[in-house]
Amino acid sequence: MNDFNRMTRCARTTLSVALLAGLAATASAQQTRLAPQQQRISDQAIHADHSAYEATQGRIQALNDGGRPIRDYHLAKAQCWLDVSFHEYSRNDRSDFPQLALTESEKLINGMEQGVQPMPTDTPLVNNAKYLRDDLWQRLRVVHGSPGFMCAQQQVACGEVELVHAGNEFNQQQWRHSKPYIQIAEELVNDAEAAARQCAAAPAAVSAAPGPLVANVLFEFDRDGYRDIRTYSLESIDRALASIASEKLQLQSVALVGHADRMQGRGFDANQALSERRAKTVRDLLIGRGIDPAKVRYEYRGDTQQVQQCAGVAPRAALLECLLPNRRVEVRFEVAR
């Protein structure tokens, strides 16, 4: 995990601990309103807003004290909405995002306090946040529908919220500001999948076939060789292989799908051929790591499946960096117990 992610998570943990100190939990269905953006310049207004955050944190604490576990999907989601709201408020975000994220937290808190059943599981793109990384959303949906979800609720909830957070940052300041939160979301998705696989509490989860381990190998623009791979993306391969070993899983097969971004490369139909070469490179890489060649199959899709659009991003260097998730080879390790 990079320094930014560590600092962000540390700051959020500090928020949760600090705001709980000396609180008397108060339950109220009335929506909390932060000071209007133009008034967030006086100590009095900021103090009032901080008190509102403290009161909301106290309601979450009261639900936990009442027996709702931290790992519960809805309690975790309420906490994560509160955390991203406070995070952006503290960064002087003058948009509606801090208020709208706080409101989402309160909606969940109200429902839990009132015993609403069933509780909602939707994740609105508040403040018209950009929908980013459909591949990560899809992976979270798979975990949500799996028997192991009971062990991955917290990671799924916070992964969903972080994707909305990233989409809000993309709208405001483009890829450079959304990228750190995408990285946090990626880590949460990986953690959710690992927790679901290892879930031993549900008999159905033990007997069912575990879900695949997914990794993405990323390439520089218009490149397809081993030395053109982003080094950190190789870590996702190594983590997957380490998980297979530590969880004592049996590797059944490996499916590779090569992709390219929407930018044209070195000639007509270049992206289709480029995605094939990338898939072959990753196949050779896996074989070099000791995987049986007979278990590895590959296909390629060119630029037909973009997971990140990056509309309006400029200059060109920023656009190419934003499009990086599209220059990928998806690696799916199919496993059995």
C-alpha atoms as a PDB file:
ATOM      1  CA  MET A   1       0.000   0.000   0.000  1.00  0.00           C
ATOM      2  CA  ASN A   2       1.444   3.383  -0.918  1.00  0.00           C
ATOM      3  CA  ASP A   3       2.048   6.224   1.546  1.00  0.00           C
ATOM      4  CA  PHE A   4      -1.040   8.178   0.449  1.00  0.00           C
ATOM      5  CA  ASN A   5      -3.323   5.212   1.109  1.00  0.00           C
ATOM      6  CA  ARG A   6      -1.738   4.566   4.497  1.00  0.00           C
ATOM      7  CA  MET A   7      -2.119   8.217   5.440  1.00  0.00           C
ATOM      8  CA  THR A   8      -5.738   8.290   4.268  1.00  0.00           C
ATOM      9  CA  ARG A   9      -6.732   5.166   6.168  1.00  0.00           C
ATOM     10  CA  CYS A  10      -4.819   6.327   9.224  1.00  0.00           C
ATOM     11  CA  ALA A  11      -6.560   9.710   9.090  1.00  0.00           C
ATOM     12  CA  ARG A  12      -9.949   8.039   8.851  1.00  0.00           C
ATOM     13  CA  THR A  13      -9.188   5.751  11.775  1.00  0.00           C
ATOM     14  CA  THR A  14      -8.096   8.782  13.765  1.00  0.00           C
ATOM     15  CA  LEU A  15     -11.366  10.497  12.834  1.00  0.00           C
ATOM     16  CA  SER A  16     -13.407   7.564  14.100  1.00  0.00           C
ATOM     17  CA  VAL A  17     -11.504   7.402  17.403  1.00  0.00           C
ATOM     18  CA  ALA A  18     -11.293  11.142  17.987  1.00  0.00           C
ATOM     19  CA  LEU A  19     -14.942  11.847  17.291  1.00  0.00           C
ATOM     20  CA  LEU A  20     -16.071   9.138  19.706  1.00  0.00           C
ATOM     21  CA  ALA A  21     -14.295  10.699  22.687  1.00  0.00           C
ATOM     22  CA  GLY A  22     -16.738  12.144  25.180  1.00  0.00           C
ATOM     23  CA  LEU A  23     -19.808  11.696  23.001  1.00  0.00           C
ATOM     24  CA  ALA A  24     -23.326  11.171  24.274  1.00  0.00           C
ATOM     25  CA  ALA A  25     -25.022   9.229  21.486  1.00  0.00           C
ATOM     26  CA  THR A  26     -28.174  10.903  20.196  1.00  0.00           C
ATOM     27  CA  ALA A  27     -30.584   9.322  17.743  1.00  0.00           C
ATOM     28  CA  SER A  28     -32.560  11.527  15.420  1.00  0.00           C
ATOM     29  CA  ALA A  29     -34.221  10.948  12.068  1.00  0.00           C
ATOM     30  CA  GLN A  30     -33.798  14.600  11.139  1.00  0.00           C
ATOM     31  CA  GLN A  31     -31.227  15.213   8.443  1.00  0.00           C
ATOM     32  CA  THR A  32     -28.103  17.017   9.566  1.00  0.00           C
ATOM     33  CA  ARG A  33     -27.292  20.102   7.545  1.00  0.00           C
ATOM     34  CA  LEU A  34     -23.750  21.358   7.250  1.00  0.00           C
ATOM     35  CA  ALA A  35     -23.147  25.093   7.035  1.00  0.00           C
ATOM     36  CA  PRO A  36     -23.631  26.502   3.521  1.00  0.00           C
ATOM     37  CA  GLN A  37     -20.405  26.499   1.558  1.00  0.00           C
ATOM     38  CA  GLN A  38     -19.961  30.262   1.686  1.00  0.00           C
ATOM     39  CA  GLN A  39     -20.259  30.221   5.500  1.00  0.00           C
ATOM     40  CA  ARG A  40     -17.541  27.646   6.134  1.00  0.00           C
ATOM     41  CA  ILE A  41     -15.053  30.359   6.910  1.00  0.00           C
ATOM     42  CA  SER A  42     -15.755  31.147  10.560  1.00  0.00           C
ATOM     43  CA  ASP A  43     -14.655  29.141  13.594  1.00  0.00           C
ATOM     44  CA  GLN A  44     -18.262  29.073  14.770  1.00  0.00           C
ATOM     45  CA  ALA A  45     -19.561  27.484  11.546  1.00  0.00           C
ATOM     46  CA  ILE A  46     -16.760  24.943  11.392  1.00  0.00           C
ATOM     47  CA  HIS A  47     -17.239  24.045  15.068  1.00  0.00           C
ATOM     48  CA  ALA A  48     -20.954  23.487  14.437  1.00  0.00           C
ATOM     49  CA  ASP A  49     -20.190  21.212  11.502  1.00  0.00           C
ATOM     50  CA  HIS A  50     -17.650  19.236  13.515  1.00  0.00           C
ATOM     51  CA  SER A  51     -20.262  18.816  16.234  1.00  0.00           C
ATOM     52  CA  ALA A  52     -22.648  17.434  13.599  1.00  0.00           C
ATOM     53  CA  TYR A  53     -20.024  14.911  12.511  1.00  0.00           C
ATOM     54  CA  GLU A  54     -19.433  13.978  16.149  1.00  0.00           C
ATOM     55  CA  ALA A  55     -23.141  13.406  16.714  1.00  0.00           C
ATOM     56  CA  THR A  56     -23.384  11.207  13.628  1.00  0.00           C
ATOM     57  CA  GLN A  57     -20.352   9.211  14.724  1.00  0.00           C
ATOM     58  CA  GLY A  58     -21.978   8.800  18.120  1.00  0.00           C
ATOM     59  CA  ARG A  59     -25.087   7.284  16.529  1.00  0.00           C
ATOM     60  CA  ILE A  60     -22.918   4.745  14.700  1.00  0.00           C
ATOM     61  CA  GLN A  61     -21.181   3.945  18.002  1.00  0.00           C
ATOM     62  CA  ALA A  62     -24.552   3.488  19.687  1.00  0.00           C
ATOM     63  CA  LEU A  63     -25.627   0.992  17.028  1.00  0.00           C
ATOM     64  CA  ASN A  64     -22.397  -0.917  17.542  1.00  0.00           C
ATOM     65  CA  ASP A  65     -22.818  -0.824  21.325  1.00  0.00           C
ATOM     66  CA  GLY A  66     -26.318  -2.177  20.787  1.00  0.00           C
ATOM     67  CA  GLY A  67     -24.924  -5.290  19.134  1.00  0.00           C
ATOM     68  CA  ARG A  68     -24.556  -4.443  15.449  1.00  0.00           C
ATOM     69  CA  PRO A  69     -21.037  -5.554  14.469  1.00  0.00           C
ATOM     70  CA  ILE A  70     -18.558  -3.272  12.734  1.00  0.00           C
ATOM     71  CA  ARG A  71     -18.343  -5.790   9.879  1.00  0.00           C
ATOM     72  CA  ASP A  72     -22.095  -5.443   9.167  1.00  0.00           C
ATOM     73  CA  TYR A  73     -22.609  -4.192   5.605  1.00  0.00           C
ATOM     74  CA  HIS A  74     -24.928  -1.318   6.474  1.00  0.00           C
ATOM     75  CA  LEU A  75     -23.067  -0.146   9.568  1.00  0.00           C
ATOM     76  CA  ALA A  76     -19.775  -0.281   7.661  1.00  0.00           C
ATOM     77  CA  LYS A  77     -21.299   1.634   4.763  1.00  0.00           C
ATOM     78  CA  ALA A  78     -22.678   4.313   7.085  1.00  0.00           C
ATOM     79  CA  GLN A  79     -19.205   4.691   8.570  1.00  0.00           C
ATOM     80  CA  CYS A  80     -17.519   4.874   5.171  1.00  0.00           C
ATOM     81  CA  TRP A  81     -19.959   7.488   3.891  1.00  0.00           C
ATOM     82  CA  LEU A  82     -19.288   9.506   7.046  1.00  0.00           C
ATOM     83  CA  ASP A  83     -15.526   9.103   6.618  1.00  0.00           C
ATOM     84  CA  VAL A  84     -15.423  10.281   2.990  1.00  0.00           C
ATOM     85  CA  SER A  85     -17.735  13.177   3.845  1.00  0.00           C
ATOM     86  CA  PHE A  86     -15.458  14.348   6.650  1.00  0.00           C
ATOM     87  CA  HIS A  87     -12.359  13.713   4.546  1.00  0.00           C
ATOM     88  CA  GLU A  88     -13.578  15.993   1.764  1.00  0.00           C
ATOM     89  CA  TYR A  89     -14.958  18.575   4.196  1.00  0.00           C
ATOM     90  CA  SER A  90     -11.504  18.717   5.816  1.00  0.00           C
ATOM     91  CA  ARG A  91      -9.932  19.177   2.380  1.00  0.00           C
ATOM     92  CA  ASN A  92     -12.167  22.219   1.873  1.00  0.00           C
ATOM     93  CA  ASP A  93     -14.328  20.611  -0.803  1.00  0.00           C
ATOM     94  CA  ARG A  94     -16.870  23.357  -1.552  1.00  0.00           C
ATOM     95  CA  SER A  95     -19.109  21.116  -3.658  1.00  0.00           C
ATOM     96  CA  ASP A  96     -22.233  19.331  -2.409  1.00  0.00           C
ATOM     97  CA  PHE A  97     -20.319  16.084  -1.907  1.00  0.00           C
ATOM     98  CA  PRO A  98     -19.651  16.387   1.869  1.00  0.00           C
ATOM     99  CA  GLN A  99     -23.334  17.091   2.526  1.00  0.00           C
ATOM    100  CA  LEU A 100     -24.640  14.375   0.201  1.00  0.00           C
ATOM    101  CA  ALA A 101     -22.241  11.728   1.536  1.00  0.00           C
ATOM    102  CA  LEU A 102     -23.222  12.655   5.103  1.00  0.00           C
ATOM    103  CA  THR A 103     -26.888  12.340   4.127  1.00  0.00           C
ATOM    104  CA  GLU A 104     -26.275   8.823   2.759  1.00  0.00           C
ATOM    105  CA  SER A 105     -24.680   7.894   6.073  1.00  0.00           C
ATOM    106  CA  GLU A 106     -27.671   9.239   7.973  1.00  0.00           C
ATOM    107  CA  LYS A 107     -30.162   7.419   5.760  1.00  0.00           C
ATOM    108  CA  LEU A 108     -28.554   4.125   6.702  1.00  0.00           C
ATOM    109  CA  ILE A 109     -28.294   5.093  10.366  1.00  0.00           C
ATOM    110  CA  ASN A 110     -31.988   6.045  10.480  1.00  0.00           C
ATOM    111  CA  GLY A 111     -32.961   2.737   8.897  1.00  0.00           C
ATOM    112  CA  MET A 112     -30.877   0.715  11.351  1.00  0.00           C
ATOM    113  CA  GLU A 113     -32.185   2.674  14.351  1.00  0.00           C
ATOM    114  CA  GLN A 114     -35.785   2.118  13.220  1.00  0.00           C
ATOM    115  CA  GLY A 115     -35.271  -1.562  12.419  1.00  0.00           C
ATOM    116  CA  VAL A 116     -36.144  -1.181   8.737  1.00  0.00           C
ATOM    117  CA  GLN A 117     -36.157  -4.473   6.821  1.00  0.00           C
ATOM    118  CA  PRO A 118     -34.910  -5.004   4.244  1.00  0.00           C
ATOM    119  CA  MET A 119     -32.281  -2.309   4.275  1.00  0.00           C
ATOM    120  CA  PRO A 120     -31.264  -0.818   0.889  1.00  0.00           C
ATOM    121  CA  THR A 121     -28.091  -2.004  -0.809  1.00  0.00           C
ATOM    122  CA  ASP A 122     -27.885   0.537  -3.625  1.00  0.00           C
ATOM    123  CA  THR A 123     -24.914   2.919  -3.851  1.00  0.00           C
ATOM    124  CA  PRO A 124     -25.954   6.217  -5.443  1.00  0.00           C
ATOM    125  CA  LEU A 125     -23.439   8.245  -7.420  1.00  0.00           C
ATOM    126  CA  VAL A 126     -23.913  11.298  -5.226  1.00  0.00           C
ATOM    127  CA  ASN A 127     -23.053  14.755  -6.557  1.00  0.00           C
ATOM    128  CA  ASN A 128     -23.238  13.235 -10.076  1.00  0.00           C
ATOM    129  CA  ALA A 129     -20.020  11.318  -9.437  1.00  0.00           C
ATOM    130  CA  LYS A 130     -18.476   9.745 -12.522  1.00  0.00           C
ATOM    131  CA  TYR A 131     -19.058   6.004 -12.845  1.00  0.00           C
ATOM    132  CA  LEU A 132     -15.489   4.667 -12.915  1.00  0.00           C
ATOM    133  CA  ARG A 133     -14.037   1.168 -13.246  1.00  0.00           C
ATOM    134  CA  ASP A 134     -16.985  -1.008 -14.167  1.00  0.00           C
ATOM    135  CA  ASP A 135     -14.707  -4.026 -13.675  1.00  0.00           C
ATOM    136  CA  LEU A 136     -14.369  -3.236  -9.960  1.00  0.00           C
ATOM    137  CA  TRP A 137     -18.109  -2.673  -9.567  1.00  0.00           C
ATOM    138  CA  GLN A 138     -18.768  -6.017 -11.249  1.00  0.00           C
ATOM    139  CA  ARG A 139     -16.341  -7.830  -8.938  1.00  0.00           C
ATOM    140  CA  LEU A 140     -18.022  -6.295  -5.894  1.00  0.00           C
ATOM    141  CA  ARG A 141     -21.425  -7.441  -7.184  1.00  0.00           C
ATOM    142  CA  VAL A 142     -20.115 -10.988  -7.535  1.00  0.00           C
ATOM    143  CA  VAL A 143     -18.875 -10.995  -3.937  1.00  0.00           C
ATOM    144  CA  HIS A 144     -22.161  -9.473  -2.773  1.00  0.00           C
ATOM    145  CA  GLY A 145     -24.031 -12.422  -4.271  1.00  0.00           C
ATOM    146  CA  SER A 146     -21.661 -15.116  -2.995  1.00  0.00           C
ATOM    147  CA  PRO A 147     -22.014 -17.310   0.126  1.00  0.00           C
ATOM    148  CA  GLY A 148     -18.828 -15.754   1.500  1.00  0.00           C
ATOM    149  CA  PHE A 149     -20.325 -12.254   1.493  1.00  0.00           C
ATOM    150  CA  MET A 150     -21.057 -12.530   5.213  1.00  0.00           C
ATOM    151  CA  CYS A 151     -17.298 -12.387   5.821  1.00  0.00           C
ATOM    152  CA  ALA A 152     -16.649  -9.585   3.307  1.00  0.00           C
ATOM    153  CA  GLN A 153     -19.443  -7.128   4.085  1.00  0.00           C
ATOM    154  CA  GLN A 154     -17.238  -4.344   5.401  1.00  0.00           C
ATOM    155  CA  GLN A 155     -14.804  -4.471   2.464  1.00  0.00           C
ATOM    156  CA  VAL A 156     -17.629  -4.529  -0.091  1.00  0.00           C
ATOM    157  CA  ALA A 157     -19.446  -1.604   1.520  1.00  0.00           C
ATOM    158  CA  CYS A 158     -16.346   0.568   1.721  1.00  0.00           C
ATOM    159  CA  GLY A 159     -15.206  -0.440  -1.768  1.00  0.00           C
ATOM    160  CA  GLU A 160     -18.497   0.807  -3.194  1.00  0.00           C
ATOM    161  CA  VAL A 161     -18.240   4.114  -1.340  1.00  0.00           C
ATOM    162  CA  GLU A 162     -14.615   4.639  -2.399  1.00  0.00           C
ATOM    163  CA  LEU A 163     -15.560   4.171  -6.053  1.00  0.00           C
ATOM    164  CA  VAL A 164     -18.144   6.939  -5.679  1.00  0.00           C
ATOM    165  CA  HIS A 165     -15.551   9.060  -3.884  1.00  0.00           C
ATOM    166  CA  ALA A 166     -13.131   8.513  -6.788  1.00  0.00           C
ATOM    167  CA  GLY A 167     -15.824   9.432  -9.301  1.00  0.00           C
ATOM    168  CA  ASN A 168     -16.514  12.682  -7.476  1.00  0.00           C
ATOM    169  CA  GLU A 169     -12.815  13.560  -7.487  1.00  0.00           C
ATOM    170  CA  PHE A 170     -12.624  12.761 -11.203  1.00  0.00           C
ATOM    171  CA  ASN A 171     -15.412  15.228 -11.953  1.00  0.00           C
ATOM    172  CA  GLN A 172     -13.763  17.943  -9.931  1.00  0.00           C
ATOM    173  CA  GLN A 173     -10.058  17.577 -10.709  1.00  0.00           C
ATOM    174  CA  GLN A 174      -9.737  14.721 -13.180  1.00  0.00           C
ATOM    175  CA  TRP A 175      -7.647  11.593 -12.992  1.00  0.00           C
ATOM    176  CA  ARG A 176      -4.752  12.917 -10.922  1.00  0.00           C
ATOM    177  CA  HIS A 177      -7.036  13.388  -7.915  1.00  0.00           C
ATOM    178  CA  SER A 178      -9.232  10.319  -8.410  1.00  0.00           C
ATOM    179  CA  LYS A 179      -6.370   7.842  -8.854  1.00  0.00           C
ATOM    180  CA  PRO A 180      -5.477   7.460  -5.132  1.00  0.00           C
ATOM    181  CA  TYR A 181      -9.072   6.592  -4.275  1.00  0.00           C
ATOM    182  CA  ILE A 182      -9.273   4.115  -7.155  1.00  0.00           C
ATOM    183  CA  GLN A 183      -6.202   2.445  -5.667  1.00  0.00           C
ATOM    184  CA  ILE A 184      -7.929   2.240  -2.277  1.00  0.00           C
ATOM    185  CA  ALA A 185     -11.006   0.742  -3.978  1.00  0.00           C
ATOM    186  CA  GLU A 186      -8.849  -1.841  -5.779  1.00  0.00           C
ATOM    187  CA  GLU A 187      -7.326  -2.916  -2.483  1.00  0.00           C
ATOM    188  CA  LEU A 188     -10.762  -3.200  -0.888  1.00  0.00           C
ATOM    189  CA  VAL A 189     -12.036  -5.326  -3.798  1.00  0.00           C
ATOM    190  CA  ASN A 190      -9.047  -7.653  -3.451  1.00  0.00           C
ATOM    191  CA  ASP A 191      -9.604  -7.824   0.323  1.00  0.00           C
ATOM    192  CA  ALA A 192     -13.308  -8.553  -0.189  1.00  0.00           C
ATOM    193  CA  GLU A 193     -12.603 -11.419  -2.567  1.00  0.00           C
ATOM    194  CA  ALA A 194     -10.010 -12.890  -0.216  1.00  0.00           C
ATOM    195  CA  ALA A 195     -12.351 -12.625   2.787  1.00  0.00           C
ATOM    196  CA  ALA A 196     -15.175 -14.287   0.842  1.00  0.00           C
ATOM    197  CA  ARG A 197     -12.938 -17.161  -0.260  1.00  0.00           C
ATOM    198  CA  GLN A 198     -11.682 -17.769   3.255  1.00  0.00           C
ATOM    199  CA  CYS A 199     -15.094 -17.490   4.885  1.00  0.00           C
ATOM    200  CA  ALA A 200     -15.439 -20.517   7.122  1.00  0.00           C
ATOM    201  CA  ALA A 201     -18.550 -19.435   9.010  1.00  0.00           C
ATOM    202  CA  ALA A 202     -21.046 -20.560   6.375  1.00  0.00           C
ATOM    203  CA  PRO A 203     -21.264 -24.287   5.543  1.00  0.00           C
ATOM    204  CA  ALA A 204     -22.430 -23.379   2.043  1.00  0.00           C
ATOM    205  CA  ALA A 205     -19.294 -21.333   1.502  1.00  0.00           C
ATOM    206  CA  VAL A 206     -17.083 -24.226   2.533  1.00  0.00           C
ATOM    207  CA  SER A 207     -18.665 -26.713   0.155  1.00  0.00           C
ATOM    208  CA  ALA A 208     -19.111 -24.324  -2.752  1.00  0.00           C
ATOM    209  CA  ALA A 209     -16.392 -23.815  -5.298  1.00  0.00           C
ATOM    210  CA  PRO A 210     -14.381 -20.701  -4.430  1.00  0.00           C
ATOM    211  CA  GLY A 211     -14.568 -17.778  -6.803  1.00  0.00           C
ATOM    212  CA  PRO A 212     -11.681 -17.021  -9.152  1.00  0.00           C
ATOM    213  CA  LEU A 213      -8.738 -14.863  -8.158  1.00  0.00           C
ATOM    214  CA  VAL A 214      -8.515 -11.848 -10.443  1.00  0.00           C
ATOM    215  CA  ALA A 215      -5.455  -9.775 -11.334  1.00  0.00           C
ATOM    216  CA  ASN A 216      -4.764  -7.098 -13.916  1.00  0.00           C
ATOM    217  CA  VAL A 217      -1.410  -6.664 -15.629  1.00  0.00           C
ATOM    218  CA  LEU A 218      -1.026  -3.123 -16.979  1.00  0.00           C
ATOM    219  CA  PHE A 219       1.079  -1.988 -19.955  1.00  0.00           C
ATOM    220  CA  GLU A 220       2.567   1.280 -21.100  1.00  0.00           C
ATOM    221  CA  PHE A 221       0.928   2.955 -24.082  1.00  0.00           C
ATOM    222  CA  ASP A 222       1.363   1.104 -27.387  1.00  0.00           C
ATOM    223  CA  ARG A 223       3.690  -1.450 -25.769  1.00  0.00           C
ATOM    224  CA  ASP A 224       3.400  -5.175 -25.152  1.00  0.00           C
ATOM    225  CA  GLY A 225       6.713  -6.555 -23.828  1.00  0.00           C
ATOM    226  CA  TYR A 226       7.642  -7.767 -20.360  1.00  0.00           C
ATOM    227  CA  ARG A 227       9.650  -4.598 -19.687  1.00  0.00           C
ATOM    228  CA  ASP A 228       6.620  -2.515 -20.685  1.00  0.00           C
ATOM    229  CA  ILE A 229       4.533  -3.800 -17.762  1.00  0.00           C
ATOM    230  CA  ARG A 230       3.873  -1.453 -14.854  1.00  0.00           C
ATOM    231  CA  THR A 231       5.920  -3.074 -12.116  1.00  0.00           C
ATOM    232  CA  TYR A 232       3.345  -2.678  -9.374  1.00  0.00           C
ATOM    233  CA  SER A 233       0.734  -4.510 -11.429  1.00  0.00           C
ATOM    234  CA  LEU A 234       2.929  -7.610 -11.349  1.00  0.00           C
ATOM    235  CA  GLU A 235       2.358  -7.631  -7.596  1.00  0.00           C
ATOM    236  CA  SER A 236      -1.288  -8.548  -8.227  1.00  0.00           C
ATOM    237  CA  ILE A 237      -0.092 -11.728  -9.957  1.00  0.00           C
ATOM    238  CA  ASP A 238       2.246 -12.572  -7.100  1.00  0.00           C
ATOM    239  CA  ARG A 239      -0.463 -11.892  -4.502  1.00  0.00           C
ATOM    240  CA  ALA A 240      -2.873 -14.214  -6.303  1.00  0.00           C
ATOM    241  CA  LEU A 241      -0.305 -17.008  -6.507  1.00  0.00           C
ATOM    242  CA  ALA A 242       0.583 -16.500  -2.828  1.00  0.00           C
ATOM    243  CA  SER A 243      -3.110 -16.696  -1.892  1.00  0.00           C
ATOM    244  CA  ILE A 244      -3.527 -19.934  -3.817  1.00  0.00           C
ATOM    245  CA  ALA A 245      -0.640 -21.417  -1.871  1.00  0.00           C
ATOM    246  CA  SER A 246      -1.597 -20.055   1.567  1.00  0.00           C
ATOM    247  CA  GLU A 247      -5.266 -21.044   1.191  1.00  0.00           C
ATOM    248  CA  LYS A 248      -4.269 -24.484  -0.118  1.00  0.00           C
ATOM    249  CA  LEU A 249      -6.304 -24.089  -3.296  1.00  0.00           C
ATOM    250  CA  GLN A 250      -5.872 -26.184  -6.416  1.00  0.00           C
ATOM    251  CA  LEU A 251      -5.215 -24.224  -9.604  1.00  0.00           C
ATOM    252  CA  GLN A 252      -7.526 -25.557 -12.308  1.00  0.00           C
ATOM    253  CA  SER A 253      -6.883 -23.121 -15.159  1.00  0.00           C
ATOM    254  CA  VAL A 254      -5.860 -19.580 -15.985  1.00  0.00           C
ATOM    255  CA  ALA A 255      -7.851 -17.408 -18.412  1.00  0.00           C
ATOM    256  CA  LEU A 256      -6.174 -14.359 -19.955  1.00  0.00           C
ATOM    257  CA  VAL A 257      -7.973 -11.604 -21.829  1.00  0.00           C
ATOM    258  CA  GLY A 258      -5.865  -8.958 -23.562  1.00  0.00           C
ATOM    259  CA  HIS A 259      -7.106  -5.380 -23.966  1.00  0.00           C
ATOM    260  CA  ALA A 260      -5.957  -2.051 -25.403  1.00  0.00           C
ATOM    261  CA  ASP A 261      -7.030   1.523 -24.766  1.00  0.00           C
ATOM    262  CA  ARG A 262      -9.053   3.527 -27.287  1.00  0.00           C
ATOM    263  CA  MET A 263      -6.041   5.416 -28.643  1.00  0.00           C
ATOM    264  CA  GLN A 264      -4.775   4.279 -32.028  1.00  0.00           C
ATOM    265  CA  GLY A 265      -1.316   2.784 -32.107  1.00  0.00           C
ATOM    266  CA  ARG A 266       0.992   1.862 -34.972  1.00  0.00           C
ATOM    267  CA  GLY A 267      -1.366   1.272 -37.834  1.00  0.00           C
ATOM    268  CA  PHE A 268      -4.748  -0.029 -38.942  1.00  0.00           C
ATOM    269  CA  ASP A 269      -6.394  -2.438 -36.512  1.00  0.00           C
ATOM    270  CA  ALA A 270      -3.370  -2.045 -34.263  1.00  0.00           C
ATOM    271  CA  ASN A 271      -5.278  -2.361 -31.003  1.00  0.00           C
ATOM    272  CA  GLN A 272      -6.581  -5.836 -31.762  1.00  0.00           C
ATOM    273  CA  ALA A 273      -3.097  -7.147 -32.508  1.00  0.00           C
ATOM    274  CA  LEU A 274      -1.642  -5.219 -29.581  1.00  0.00           C
ATOM    275  CA  SER A 275      -4.059  -6.826 -27.137  1.00  0.00           C
ATOM    276  CA  GLU A 276      -3.121 -10.274 -28.462  1.00  0.00           C
ATOM    277  CA  ARG A 277       0.601  -9.620 -27.997  1.00  0.00           C
ATOM    278  CA  ARG A 278      -0.015  -8.453 -24.453  1.00  0.00           C
ATOM    279  CA  ALA A 279      -1.942 -11.640 -23.659  1.00  0.00           C
ATOM    280  CA  LYS A 280       0.923 -13.729 -25.046  1.00  0.00           C
ATOM    281  CA  THR A 281       3.434 -11.807 -22.937  1.00  0.00           C
ATOM    282  CA  VAL A 282       1.481 -12.522 -19.755  1.00  0.00           C
ATOM    283  CA  ARG A 283       1.089 -16.164 -20.766  1.00  0.00           C
ATOM    284  CA  ASP A 284       4.872 -16.457 -21.058  1.00  0.00           C
ATOM    285  CA  LEU A 285       5.268 -14.659 -17.739  1.00  0.00           C
ATOM    286  CA  LEU A 286       3.006 -17.167 -15.955  1.00  0.00           C
ATOM    287  CA  ILE A 287       4.741 -20.126 -17.515  1.00  0.00           C
ATOM    288  CA  GLY A 288       8.004 -18.632 -16.315  1.00  0.00           C
ATOM    289  CA  ARG A 289       6.536 -18.604 -12.799  1.00  0.00           C
ATOM    290  CA  GLY A 290       5.978 -22.345 -12.989  1.00  0.00           C
ATOM    291  CA  ILE A 291       2.382 -22.613 -14.204  1.00  0.00           C
ATOM    292  CA  ASP A 292       1.632 -25.553 -16.487  1.00  0.00           C
ATOM    293  CA  PRO A 293       1.273 -24.206 -20.069  1.00  0.00           C
ATOM    294  CA  ALA A 294      -1.647 -26.561 -20.641  1.00  0.00           C
ATOM    295  CA  LYS A 295      -3.645 -24.706 -17.982  1.00  0.00           C
ATOM    296  CA  VAL A 296      -3.239 -21.270 -19.576  1.00  0.00           C
ATOM    297  CA  ARG A 297      -5.541 -20.068 -22.332  1.00  0.00           C
ATOM    298  CA  TYR A 298      -5.865 -16.590 -23.759  1.00  0.00           C
ATOM    299  CA  GLU A 299      -8.068 -14.398 -25.910  1.00  0.00           C
ATOM    300  CA  TYR A 300      -8.005 -10.738 -26.879  1.00  0.00           C
ATOM    301  CA  ARG A 301     -10.585  -7.982 -27.289  1.00  0.00           C
ATOM    302  CA  GLY A 302      -8.693  -4.975 -28.686  1.00  0.00           C
ATOM    303  CA  ASP A 303     -10.301  -1.730 -27.507  1.00  0.00           C
ATOM    304  CA  THR A 304     -13.881  -3.062 -27.343  1.00  0.00           C
ATOM    305  CA  GLN A 305     -14.107  -3.225 -23.531  1.00  0.00           C
ATOM    306  CA  GLN A 306     -12.978   0.032 -21.984  1.00  0.00           C
ATOM    307  CA  VAL A 307     -13.262   0.158 -18.188  1.00  0.00           C
ATOM    308  CA  GLN A 308     -12.279   3.832 -18.036  1.00  0.00           C
ATOM    309  CA  GLN A 309     -13.399   6.445 -20.565  1.00  0.00           C
ATOM    310  CA  CYS A 310     -11.479   9.572 -19.452  1.00  0.00           C
ATOM    311  CA  ALA A 311     -13.646  11.914 -21.503  1.00  0.00           C
ATOM    312  CA  GLY A 312     -12.289  15.446 -21.571  1.00  0.00           C
ATOM    313  CA  VAL A 313      -8.985  14.615 -19.877  1.00  0.00           C
ATOM    314  CA  ALA A 314      -6.071  16.717 -21.151  1.00  0.00           C
ATOM    315  CA  PRO A 315      -3.225  17.149 -21.950  1.00  0.00           C
ATOM    316  CA  ARG A 316      -2.255  13.976 -23.807  1.00  0.00           C
ATOM    317  CA  ALA A 317       0.111  12.736 -21.094  1.00  0.00           C
ATOM    318  CA  ALA A 318      -2.692  12.952 -18.517  1.00  0.00           C
ATOM    319  CA  LEU A 319      -5.091  11.202 -20.908  1.00  0.00           C
ATOM    320  CA  LEU A 320      -2.690   8.317 -21.486  1.00  0.00           C
ATOM    321  CA  GLU A 321      -2.214   7.892 -17.749  1.00  0.00           C
ATOM    322  CA  CYS A 322      -5.956   7.992 -17.173  1.00  0.00           C
ATOM    323  CA  LEU A 323      -6.471   5.292 -19.809  1.00  0.00           C
ATOM    324  CA  LEU A 324      -3.941   2.961 -18.170  1.00  0.00           C
ATOM    325  CA  PRO A 325      -6.581   0.552 -16.710  1.00  0.00           C
ATOM    326  CA  ASN A 326      -7.702  -0.176 -20.296  1.00  0.00           C
ATOM    327  CA  ARG A 327      -4.200  -1.303 -21.329  1.00  0.00           C
ATOM    328  CA  ARG A 328      -4.521  -4.508 -19.406  1.00  0.00           C
ATOM    329  CA  VAL A 329      -4.491  -8.247 -19.475  1.00  0.00           C
ATOM    330  CA  GLU A 330      -7.139  -9.645 -17.167  1.00  0.00           C
ATOM    331  CA  VAL A 331      -5.922 -12.758 -15.388  1.00  0.00           C
ATOM    332  CA  ARG A 332      -8.480 -15.114 -13.841  1.00  0.00           C
ATOM    333  CA  PHE A 333      -7.131 -17.984 -11.771  1.00  0.00           C
ATOM    334  CA  GLU A 334      -9.836 -20.647 -11.567  1.00  0.00           C
ATOM    335  CA  VAL A 335      -9.346 -22.646  -8.385  1.00  0.00           C
ATOM    336  CA  ALA A 336     -10.862 -25.478  -6.372  1.00  0.00           C
ATOM    337  CA  ARG A 337     -10.468 -26.669  -2.799  1.00  0.00           C
END
